[in-house]
Amino acid sequence: MNEPAAPGAVSPASEREVEAVMGAANVLMGVAARSVAEVEDIVSSPQLRVLVLIDSRGPQNLGGVAAELGVHPSNATRTCERLVVAGLIKRRDDPADRRYVRLELTARGKELVATVLDHRRQAIAEVISRMPAGKRRALAEAMEAFAAAAGGDGTTDGRFTLKSGA
């Protein structure tokens, strides 16, 4: 007979739990892929990740962008240069340390990110609206707990980093 786990205790995930989350992840990845496809003639997926990063976390430097993308700084530099040329981000001296350049979204960059994220929100809202009303609150609570267990609240572009111990 299984005894209830002590509050705060960690227990292994069941196969059903894992498969349920995998199924939901597939749906969410499809939503994200469709939103990226809408702008793929303007930006690549890595470029969109940079735009969403700056939108969600504020101005970044090239080192922060490289770390977030998991790429060499020269790759981040090339990606950001293309975004500057496209008029989606601008470079400014960092007022706290002039050795660094801050990358900020332009109005056009903000509009592109807003379009992509609005598409995602609408697609997710459509799926949720087809769920029984009584299950929606539990879904929201479960997703909040899932994001917290991953080490944070996730990011707007759907990426997260597992914190050590998470």
N, C-alpha and C. Protein backbone atom coordinates (compact mmCIF):
# COMPACT_ATOMS: atom_id res chain seq x y z
N MET A 1 0.83 -1.17 0.00
CA MET A 1 0.00 0.00 0.00
C MET A 1 0.88 1.24 0.00
N ASN A 2 0.58 2.19 -0.93
CA ASN A 2 1.38 3.40 -1.03
C ASN A 2 0.95 4.41 0.02
N GLU A 3 1.93 4.89 0.74
CA GLU A 3 1.65 5.93 1.73
C GLU A 3 1.85 7.27 1.07
N PRO A 4 1.08 8.27 1.50
CA PRO A 4 1.27 9.59 0.92
C PRO A 4 2.66 10.12 1.23
N ALA A 5 3.24 10.82 0.27
CA ALA A 5 4.57 11.40 0.46
C ALA A 5 4.48 12.56 1.45
N ALA A 6 5.54 12.74 2.20
CA ALA A 6 5.61 13.86 3.14
C ALA A 6 5.60 15.16 2.34
N PRO A 7 5.02 16.22 2.90
CA PRO A 7 5.01 17.51 2.20
C PRO A 7 6.44 17.91 1.81
N GLY A 8 6.62 18.31 0.56
CA GLY A 8 7.92 18.73 0.08
C GLY A 8 8.82 17.58 -0.37
N ALA A 9 8.39 16.34 -0.16
CA ALA A 9 9.19 15.19 -0.57
C ALA A 9 9.12 15.04 -2.08
N VAL A 10 10.19 14.55 -2.67
CA VAL A 10 10.24 14.33 -4.10
C VAL A 10 9.96 12.86 -4.36
N SER A 11 9.04 12.60 -5.28
CA SER A 11 8.75 11.22 -5.65
C SER A 11 8.91 11.10 -7.16
N PRO A 12 9.27 9.91 -7.62
CA PRO A 12 9.47 9.75 -9.06
C PRO A 12 8.16 9.92 -9.84
N ALA A 13 8.30 10.44 -11.04
CA ALA A 13 7.13 10.63 -11.91
C ALA A 13 6.68 9.29 -12.45
N SER A 14 5.37 9.14 -12.57
CA SER A 14 4.83 7.91 -13.17
C SER A 14 4.92 8.02 -14.69
N GLU A 15 4.83 6.88 -15.34
CA GLU A 15 4.85 6.87 -16.80
C GLU A 15 3.67 7.67 -17.35
N ARG A 16 2.51 7.55 -16.74
CA ARG A 16 1.32 8.28 -17.19
C ARG A 16 1.56 9.78 -17.10
N GLU A 17 2.16 10.23 -15.99
CA GLU A 17 2.42 11.66 -15.82
C GLU A 17 3.39 12.17 -16.89
N VAL A 18 4.44 11.40 -17.12
CA VAL A 18 5.43 11.80 -18.13
C VAL A 18 4.78 11.85 -19.51
N GLU A 19 4.02 10.83 -19.85
CA GLU A 19 3.39 10.78 -21.17
C GLU A 19 2.35 11.89 -21.34
N ALA A 20 1.64 12.22 -20.28
CA ALA A 20 0.67 13.32 -20.36
C ALA A 20 1.38 14.64 -20.65
N VAL A 21 2.48 14.87 -19.98
CA VAL A 21 3.23 16.12 -20.21
C VAL A 21 3.86 16.09 -21.60
N MET A 22 4.36 14.94 -22.03
CA MET A 22 4.91 14.84 -23.39
C MET A 22 3.85 15.18 -24.44
N GLY A 23 2.65 14.67 -24.25
CA GLY A 23 1.57 14.99 -25.19
C GLY A 23 1.26 16.47 -25.21
N ALA A 24 1.19 17.09 -24.04
CA ALA A 24 0.93 18.52 -23.97
C ALA A 24 2.09 19.30 -24.58
N ALA A 25 3.32 18.84 -24.35
CA ALA A 25 4.49 19.51 -24.93
C ALA A 25 4.44 19.47 -26.45
N ASN A 26 4.00 18.36 -27.00
CA ASN A 26 3.88 18.26 -28.46
C ASN A 26 2.88 19.27 -29.00
N VAL A 27 1.77 19.45 -28.30
CA VAL A 27 0.78 20.44 -28.72
C VAL A 27 1.39 21.84 -28.66
N LEU A 28 2.06 22.13 -27.55
CA LEU A 28 2.65 23.46 -27.38
C LEU A 28 3.77 23.72 -28.39
N MET A 29 4.54 22.69 -28.71
CA MET A 29 5.58 22.85 -29.73
C MET A 29 4.96 23.13 -31.09
N GLY A 30 3.84 22.50 -31.37
CA GLY A 30 3.14 22.77 -32.63
C GLY A 30 2.66 24.21 -32.69
N VAL A 31 2.12 24.70 -31.59
CA VAL A 31 1.68 26.10 -31.52
C VAL A 31 2.87 27.02 -31.76
N ALA A 32 3.98 26.75 -31.08
CA ALA A 32 5.17 27.58 -31.23
C ALA A 32 5.70 27.52 -32.67
N ALA A 33 5.73 26.34 -33.25
CA ALA A 33 6.22 26.19 -34.62
C ALA A 33 5.37 26.97 -35.61
N ARG A 34 4.06 26.92 -35.43
CA ARG A 34 3.18 27.68 -36.33
C ARG A 34 3.41 29.18 -36.18
N SER A 35 3.65 29.65 -34.96
CA SER A 35 3.87 31.08 -34.76
C SER A 35 5.20 31.51 -35.37
N VAL A 36 6.20 30.64 -35.33
CA VAL A 36 7.49 30.94 -35.94
C VAL A 36 7.35 30.94 -37.46
N ALA A 37 6.57 30.00 -37.99
CA ALA A 37 6.38 29.92 -39.44
C ALA A 37 5.79 31.20 -40.01
N GLU A 38 4.98 31.88 -39.21
CA GLU A 38 4.36 33.13 -39.67
C GLU A 38 5.38 34.23 -39.93
N VAL A 39 6.56 34.14 -39.31
CA VAL A 39 7.56 35.20 -39.47
C VAL A 39 8.87 34.70 -40.05
N GLU A 40 8.89 33.44 -40.53
CA GLU A 40 10.15 32.87 -41.00
C GLU A 40 10.70 33.58 -42.23
N ASP A 41 9.88 34.33 -42.94
CA ASP A 41 10.39 35.11 -44.06
C ASP A 41 11.10 36.38 -43.58
N ILE A 42 10.96 36.69 -42.29
CA ILE A 42 11.59 37.89 -41.71
C ILE A 42 12.78 37.52 -40.85
N VAL A 43 12.62 36.50 -39.97
CA VAL A 43 13.68 36.09 -39.06
C VAL A 43 13.77 34.57 -38.97
N SER A 44 14.95 34.09 -38.62
CA SER A 44 15.15 32.67 -38.37
C SER A 44 14.74 32.36 -36.93
N SER A 45 14.66 31.09 -36.60
CA SER A 45 14.32 30.71 -35.22
C SER A 45 15.33 31.25 -34.20
N PRO A 46 16.65 31.13 -34.44
CA PRO A 46 17.59 31.72 -33.46
C PRO A 46 17.43 33.24 -33.34
N GLN A 47 17.16 33.90 -34.44
CA GLN A 47 16.95 35.36 -34.38
C GLN A 47 15.70 35.68 -33.57
N LEU A 48 14.64 34.91 -33.77
CA LEU A 48 13.43 35.13 -32.99
C LEU A 48 13.69 34.89 -31.51
N ARG A 49 14.49 33.89 -31.18
CA ARG A 49 14.84 33.65 -29.77
C ARG A 49 15.53 34.86 -29.17
N VAL A 50 16.41 35.50 -29.94
CA VAL A 50 17.10 36.71 -29.45
C VAL A 50 16.08 37.81 -29.20
N LEU A 51 15.17 38.00 -30.13
CA LEU A 51 14.16 39.05 -29.98
C LEU A 51 13.29 38.80 -28.75
N VAL A 52 12.86 37.58 -28.57
CA VAL A 52 12.01 37.24 -27.42
C VAL A 52 12.79 37.38 -26.12
N LEU A 53 14.06 36.99 -26.14
CA LEU A 53 14.92 37.15 -24.96
C LEU A 53 14.99 38.62 -24.54
N ILE A 54 15.26 39.49 -25.49
CA ILE A 54 15.37 40.92 -25.19
C ILE A 54 14.01 41.47 -24.75
N ASP A 55 12.95 41.01 -25.40
CA ASP A 55 11.61 41.47 -25.02
C ASP A 55 11.26 41.06 -23.60
N SER A 56 11.59 39.82 -23.24
CA SER A 56 11.17 39.31 -21.93
C SER A 56 12.10 39.72 -20.79
N ARG A 57 13.37 39.92 -21.08
CA ARG A 57 14.33 40.20 -20.01
C ARG A 57 14.94 41.59 -20.08
N GLY A 58 14.59 42.35 -21.09
CA GLY A 58 15.15 43.69 -21.21
C GLY A 58 16.45 43.67 -21.99
N PRO A 59 17.06 44.85 -22.13
CA PRO A 59 18.30 44.95 -22.92
C PRO A 59 19.34 43.92 -22.48
N GLN A 60 20.06 43.40 -23.46
CA GLN A 60 21.07 42.37 -23.23
C GLN A 60 22.39 42.81 -23.83
N ASN A 61 23.48 42.19 -23.38
CA ASN A 61 24.75 42.36 -24.06
C ASN A 61 25.02 41.10 -24.86
N LEU A 62 26.02 41.14 -25.71
CA LEU A 62 26.29 39.99 -26.58
C LEU A 62 26.66 38.75 -25.79
N GLY A 63 27.35 38.90 -24.67
CA GLY A 63 27.69 37.75 -23.84
C GLY A 63 26.46 37.06 -23.30
N GLY A 64 25.48 37.85 -22.87
CA GLY A 64 24.23 37.28 -22.37
C GLY A 64 23.45 36.56 -23.45
N VAL A 65 23.45 37.13 -24.65
CA VAL A 65 22.76 36.49 -25.78
C VAL A 65 23.45 35.17 -26.12
N ALA A 66 24.78 35.18 -26.18
CA ALA A 66 25.52 33.96 -26.51
C ALA A 66 25.25 32.87 -25.47
N ALA A 67 25.27 33.26 -24.20
CA ALA A 67 25.03 32.28 -23.14
C ALA A 67 23.62 31.70 -23.24
N GLU A 68 22.63 32.54 -23.48
CA GLU A 68 21.24 32.08 -23.57
C GLU A 68 21.05 31.15 -24.76
N LEU A 69 21.68 31.47 -25.88
CA LEU A 69 21.54 30.63 -27.07
C LEU A 69 22.44 29.40 -27.01
N GLY A 70 23.42 29.42 -26.10
CA GLY A 70 24.36 28.30 -26.01
C GLY A 70 25.29 28.24 -27.20
N VAL A 71 25.71 29.42 -27.68
CA VAL A 71 26.58 29.48 -28.85
C VAL A 71 27.82 30.30 -28.53
N HIS A 72 28.80 30.21 -29.41
CA HIS A 72 30.02 31.01 -29.28
C HIS A 72 29.65 32.49 -29.47
N PRO A 73 30.31 33.38 -28.77
CA PRO A 73 30.00 34.82 -28.92
C PRO A 73 30.04 35.32 -30.36
N SER A 74 30.92 34.75 -31.20
CA SER A 74 30.97 35.21 -32.60
C SER A 74 29.67 34.87 -33.33
N ASN A 75 29.06 33.73 -33.01
CA ASN A 75 27.76 33.38 -33.62
C ASN A 75 26.68 34.34 -33.16
N ALA A 76 26.69 34.68 -31.87
CA ALA A 76 25.71 35.63 -31.35
C ALA A 76 25.90 36.99 -32.01
N THR A 77 27.14 37.38 -32.23
CA THR A 77 27.43 38.66 -32.88
C THR A 77 26.84 38.69 -34.28
N ARG A 78 27.05 37.62 -35.05
CA ARG A 78 26.50 37.57 -36.42
C ARG A 78 24.98 37.60 -36.41
N THR A 79 24.38 36.83 -35.50
CA THR A 79 22.91 36.80 -35.41
C THR A 79 22.38 38.20 -35.08
N CYS A 80 22.99 38.85 -34.11
CA CYS A 80 22.52 40.18 -33.70
C CYS A 80 22.78 41.22 -34.79
N GLU A 81 23.89 41.08 -35.50
CA GLU A 81 24.18 42.02 -36.59
C GLU A 81 23.08 41.95 -37.65
N ARG A 82 22.63 40.74 -37.96
CA ARG A 82 21.54 40.60 -38.95
C ARG A 82 20.26 41.28 -38.44
N LEU A 83 20.02 41.19 -37.15
CA LEU A 83 18.83 41.83 -36.57
C LEU A 83 18.95 43.34 -36.58
N VAL A 84 20.17 43.86 -36.40
CA VAL A 84 20.40 45.30 -36.49
C VAL A 84 20.13 45.77 -37.91
N VAL A 85 20.71 45.06 -38.88
CA VAL A 85 20.53 45.41 -40.29
C VAL A 85 19.05 45.36 -40.68
N ALA A 86 18.31 44.41 -40.12
CA ALA A 86 16.88 44.28 -40.42
C ALA A 86 16.03 45.33 -39.70
N GLY A 87 16.65 46.10 -38.82
CA GLY A 87 15.92 47.15 -38.10
C GLY A 87 15.09 46.63 -36.94
N LEU A 88 15.45 45.45 -36.41
CA LEU A 88 14.66 44.85 -35.33
C LEU A 88 15.27 45.08 -33.95
N ILE A 89 16.59 45.28 -33.90
CA ILE A 89 17.25 45.66 -32.65
C ILE A 89 18.20 46.81 -32.93
N LYS A 90 18.56 47.52 -31.86
CA LYS A 90 19.54 48.60 -31.98
C LYS A 90 20.60 48.39 -30.92
N ARG A 91 21.78 48.89 -31.23
CA ARG A 91 22.90 48.84 -30.29
C ARG A 91 23.05 50.20 -29.63
N ARG A 92 23.35 50.16 -28.33
CA ARG A 92 23.64 51.39 -27.58
C ARG A 92 24.77 51.10 -26.61
N ASP A 93 25.51 52.15 -26.27
CA ASP A 93 26.51 51.99 -25.22
C ASP A 93 25.78 51.69 -23.93
N ASP A 94 26.33 50.78 -23.14
CA ASP A 94 25.76 50.46 -21.84
C ASP A 94 26.13 51.59 -20.88
N PRO A 95 25.15 52.29 -20.32
CA PRO A 95 25.48 53.41 -19.44
C PRO A 95 26.23 52.98 -18.17
N ALA A 96 26.07 51.74 -17.76
CA ALA A 96 26.75 51.26 -16.56
C ALA A 96 28.20 50.90 -16.85
N ASP A 97 28.51 50.52 -18.07
CA ASP A 97 29.87 50.12 -18.43
C ASP A 97 30.03 50.28 -19.93
N ARG A 98 30.73 51.32 -20.34
CA ARG A 98 30.83 51.66 -21.76
C ARG A 98 31.63 50.63 -22.56
N ARG A 99 32.24 49.65 -21.89
CA ARG A 99 32.92 48.59 -22.63
C ARG A 99 31.92 47.64 -23.27
N TYR A 100 30.68 47.68 -22.82
CA TYR A 100 29.65 46.77 -23.31
C TYR A 100 28.65 47.52 -24.18
N VAL A 101 28.07 46.77 -25.08
CA VAL A 101 27.01 47.29 -25.94
C VAL A 101 25.71 46.66 -25.48
N ARG A 102 24.68 47.49 -25.31
CA ARG A 102 23.35 46.98 -24.98
C ARG A 102 22.57 46.78 -26.26
N LEU A 103 21.87 45.68 -26.31
CA LEU A 103 21.00 45.38 -27.45
C LEU A 103 19.57 45.58 -27.00
N GLU A 104 18.85 46.42 -27.72
CA GLU A 104 17.46 46.74 -27.38
C GLU A 104 16.59 46.55 -28.61
N LEU A 105 15.33 46.23 -28.38
CA LEU A 105 14.38 46.11 -29.49
C LEU A 105 14.02 47.47 -30.04
N THR A 106 13.86 47.52 -31.35
CA THR A 106 13.28 48.71 -31.98
C THR A 106 11.76 48.56 -31.92
N ALA A 107 11.04 49.58 -32.33
CA ALA A 107 9.58 49.49 -32.38
C ALA A 107 9.16 48.33 -33.30
N ARG A 108 9.86 48.19 -34.41
CA ARG A 108 9.55 47.09 -35.35
C ARG A 108 9.82 45.73 -34.72
N GLY A 109 10.90 45.63 -33.95
CA GLY A 109 11.21 44.38 -33.25
C GLY A 109 10.15 44.04 -32.22
N LYS A 110 9.71 45.06 -31.46
CA LYS A 110 8.65 44.85 -30.46
C LYS A 110 7.37 44.39 -31.13
N GLU A 111 7.05 44.96 -32.26
CA GLU A 111 5.83 44.60 -32.99
C GLU A 111 5.89 43.15 -33.48
N LEU A 112 7.05 42.73 -33.98
CA LEU A 112 7.19 41.36 -34.46
C LEU A 112 7.03 40.37 -33.31
N VAL A 113 7.67 40.64 -32.18
CA VAL A 113 7.55 39.75 -31.02
C VAL A 113 6.10 39.71 -30.55
N ALA A 114 5.46 40.87 -30.48
CA ALA A 114 4.06 40.91 -30.03
C ALA A 114 3.17 40.09 -30.95
N THR A 115 3.42 40.15 -32.24
CA THR A 115 2.63 39.37 -33.21
C THR A 115 2.79 37.88 -32.96
N VAL A 116 4.02 37.43 -32.78
CA VAL A 116 4.29 36.00 -32.55
C VAL A 116 3.65 35.55 -31.24
N LEU A 117 3.85 36.31 -30.17
CA LEU A 117 3.31 35.91 -28.87
C LEU A 117 1.79 35.98 -28.83
N ASP A 118 1.21 36.96 -29.52
CA ASP A 118 -0.25 37.03 -29.61
C ASP A 118 -0.80 35.80 -30.32
N HIS A 119 -0.12 35.37 -31.38
CA HIS A 119 -0.54 34.16 -32.09
C HIS A 119 -0.52 32.96 -31.14
N ARG A 120 0.55 32.84 -30.37
CA ARG A 120 0.66 31.72 -29.43
C ARG A 120 -0.45 31.78 -28.39
N ARG A 121 -0.67 32.96 -27.83
CA ARG A 121 -1.73 33.09 -26.81
C ARG A 121 -3.09 32.72 -27.37
N GLN A 122 -3.40 33.18 -28.58
CA GLN A 122 -4.69 32.89 -29.19
C GLN A 122 -4.84 31.39 -29.45
N ALA A 123 -3.79 30.76 -29.95
CA ALA A 123 -3.85 29.32 -30.24
C ALA A 123 -4.02 28.52 -28.95
N ILE A 124 -3.30 28.91 -27.91
CA ILE A 124 -3.43 28.21 -26.62
C ILE A 124 -4.81 28.45 -26.02
N ALA A 125 -5.30 29.68 -26.10
CA ALA A 125 -6.64 29.99 -25.59
C ALA A 125 -7.70 29.16 -26.31
N GLU A 126 -7.52 28.95 -27.60
CA GLU A 126 -8.48 28.14 -28.37
C GLU A 126 -8.50 26.70 -27.87
N VAL A 127 -7.32 26.15 -27.60
CA VAL A 127 -7.26 24.78 -27.08
C VAL A 127 -7.90 24.72 -25.69
N ILE A 128 -7.55 25.66 -24.82
CA ILE A 128 -8.10 25.67 -23.46
C ILE A 128 -9.62 25.82 -23.49
N SER A 129 -10.12 26.61 -24.42
CA SER A 129 -11.57 26.83 -24.48
C SER A 129 -12.32 25.55 -24.81
N ARG A 130 -11.64 24.56 -25.40
CA ARG A 130 -12.27 23.28 -25.72
C ARG A 130 -12.19 22.30 -24.55
N MET A 131 -11.54 22.71 -23.47
CA MET A 131 -11.46 21.85 -22.27
C MET A 131 -12.69 22.06 -21.41
N PRO A 132 -13.06 21.06 -20.63
CA PRO A 132 -14.16 21.27 -19.68
C PRO A 132 -13.78 22.41 -18.71
N ALA A 133 -14.73 23.31 -18.48
CA ALA A 133 -14.46 24.47 -17.64
C ALA A 133 -13.92 24.09 -16.27
N GLY A 134 -14.39 22.99 -15.72
CA GLY A 134 -13.96 22.57 -14.39
C GLY A 134 -12.52 22.11 -14.31
N LYS A 135 -11.87 21.86 -15.44
CA LYS A 135 -10.49 21.39 -15.45
C LYS A 135 -9.48 22.51 -15.71
N ARG A 136 -9.95 23.66 -16.11
CA ARG A 136 -9.05 24.75 -16.50
C ARG A 136 -8.22 25.29 -15.35
N ARG A 137 -8.83 25.47 -14.18
CA ARG A 137 -8.09 25.98 -13.03
C ARG A 137 -6.99 24.99 -12.64
N ALA A 138 -7.33 23.70 -12.64
CA ALA A 138 -6.34 22.68 -12.30
C ALA A 138 -5.19 22.69 -13.32
N LEU A 139 -5.51 22.92 -14.59
CA LEU A 139 -4.48 23.01 -15.61
C LEU A 139 -3.53 24.16 -15.30
N ALA A 140 -4.08 25.33 -15.03
CA ALA A 140 -3.24 26.50 -14.74
C ALA A 140 -2.36 26.25 -13.52
N GLU A 141 -2.94 25.68 -12.47
CA GLU A 141 -2.16 25.40 -11.26
C GLU A 141 -1.07 24.37 -11.54
N ALA A 142 -1.39 23.35 -12.32
CA ALA A 142 -0.40 22.31 -12.63
C ALA A 142 0.73 22.89 -13.48
N MET A 143 0.40 23.72 -14.45
CA MET A 143 1.43 24.30 -15.31
C MET A 143 2.32 25.26 -14.51
N GLU A 144 1.73 26.01 -13.59
CA GLU A 144 2.53 26.90 -12.74
C GLU A 144 3.49 26.07 -11.87
N ALA A 145 2.99 24.98 -11.31
CA ALA A 145 3.83 24.11 -10.49
C ALA A 145 4.93 23.46 -11.33
N PHE A 146 4.60 23.06 -12.54
CA PHE A 146 5.58 22.45 -13.44
C PHE A 146 6.70 23.43 -13.75
N ALA A 147 6.34 24.67 -14.11
CA ALA A 147 7.36 25.69 -14.40
C ALA A 147 8.22 25.96 -13.17
N ALA A 148 7.60 26.03 -12.01
CA ALA A 148 8.35 26.28 -10.77
C ALA A 148 9.31 25.12 -10.49
N ALA A 149 8.86 23.89 -10.73
CA ALA A 149 9.72 22.73 -10.49
C ALA A 149 10.92 22.71 -11.43
N ALA A 150 10.76 23.34 -12.59
CA ALA A 150 11.86 23.42 -13.55
C ALA A 150 12.88 24.47 -13.15
N GLY A 151 12.58 25.24 -12.13
CA GLY A 151 13.55 26.21 -11.64
C GLY A 151 13.17 27.64 -11.87
N GLY A 152 11.98 27.89 -12.29
CA GLY A 152 11.55 29.25 -12.53
C GLY A 152 10.18 29.27 -13.13
N ASP A 153 9.86 30.38 -13.74
CA ASP A 153 8.55 30.48 -14.37
C ASP A 153 8.64 30.32 -15.87
N GLY A 154 9.77 29.81 -16.37
CA GLY A 154 9.92 29.64 -17.80
C GLY A 154 10.15 30.98 -18.47
N THR A 155 10.17 31.00 -19.79
CA THR A 155 10.30 32.23 -20.53
C THR A 155 9.19 32.31 -21.54
N THR A 156 8.97 33.49 -22.03
CA THR A 156 7.87 33.69 -22.96
C THR A 156 8.03 32.89 -24.23
N ASP A 157 9.28 32.61 -24.62
CA ASP A 157 9.45 31.84 -25.85
C ASP A 157 9.41 30.35 -25.63
N GLY A 158 9.07 29.91 -24.39
CA GLY A 158 8.91 28.49 -24.13
C GLY A 158 10.16 27.79 -23.71
N ARG A 159 11.29 28.50 -23.65
CA ARG A 159 12.53 27.86 -23.22
C ARG A 159 12.66 28.00 -21.72
N PHE A 160 13.35 27.07 -21.11
CA PHE A 160 13.65 27.17 -19.69
C PHE A 160 14.99 26.54 -19.45
N THR A 161 15.56 26.87 -18.34
CA THR A 161 16.82 26.26 -17.94
C THR A 161 16.59 25.60 -16.61
N LEU A 162 16.91 24.32 -16.53
CA LEU A 162 16.78 23.63 -15.25
C LEU A 162 17.87 24.15 -14.33
N LYS A 163 17.46 24.61 -13.17
CA LYS A 163 18.41 25.05 -12.16
C LYS A 163 18.96 23.82 -11.46
N SER A 164 20.19 23.91 -10.99
CA SER A 164 20.73 22.74 -10.29
C SER A 164 19.86 22.42 -9.09
N GLY A 165 19.61 21.16 -8.94
CA GLY A 165 18.74 20.71 -7.87
C GLY A 165 17.28 20.66 -8.25
N ALA A 166 16.98 21.18 -9.43
CA ALA A 166 15.58 21.18 -9.88
C ALA A 166 15.29 19.95 -10.68
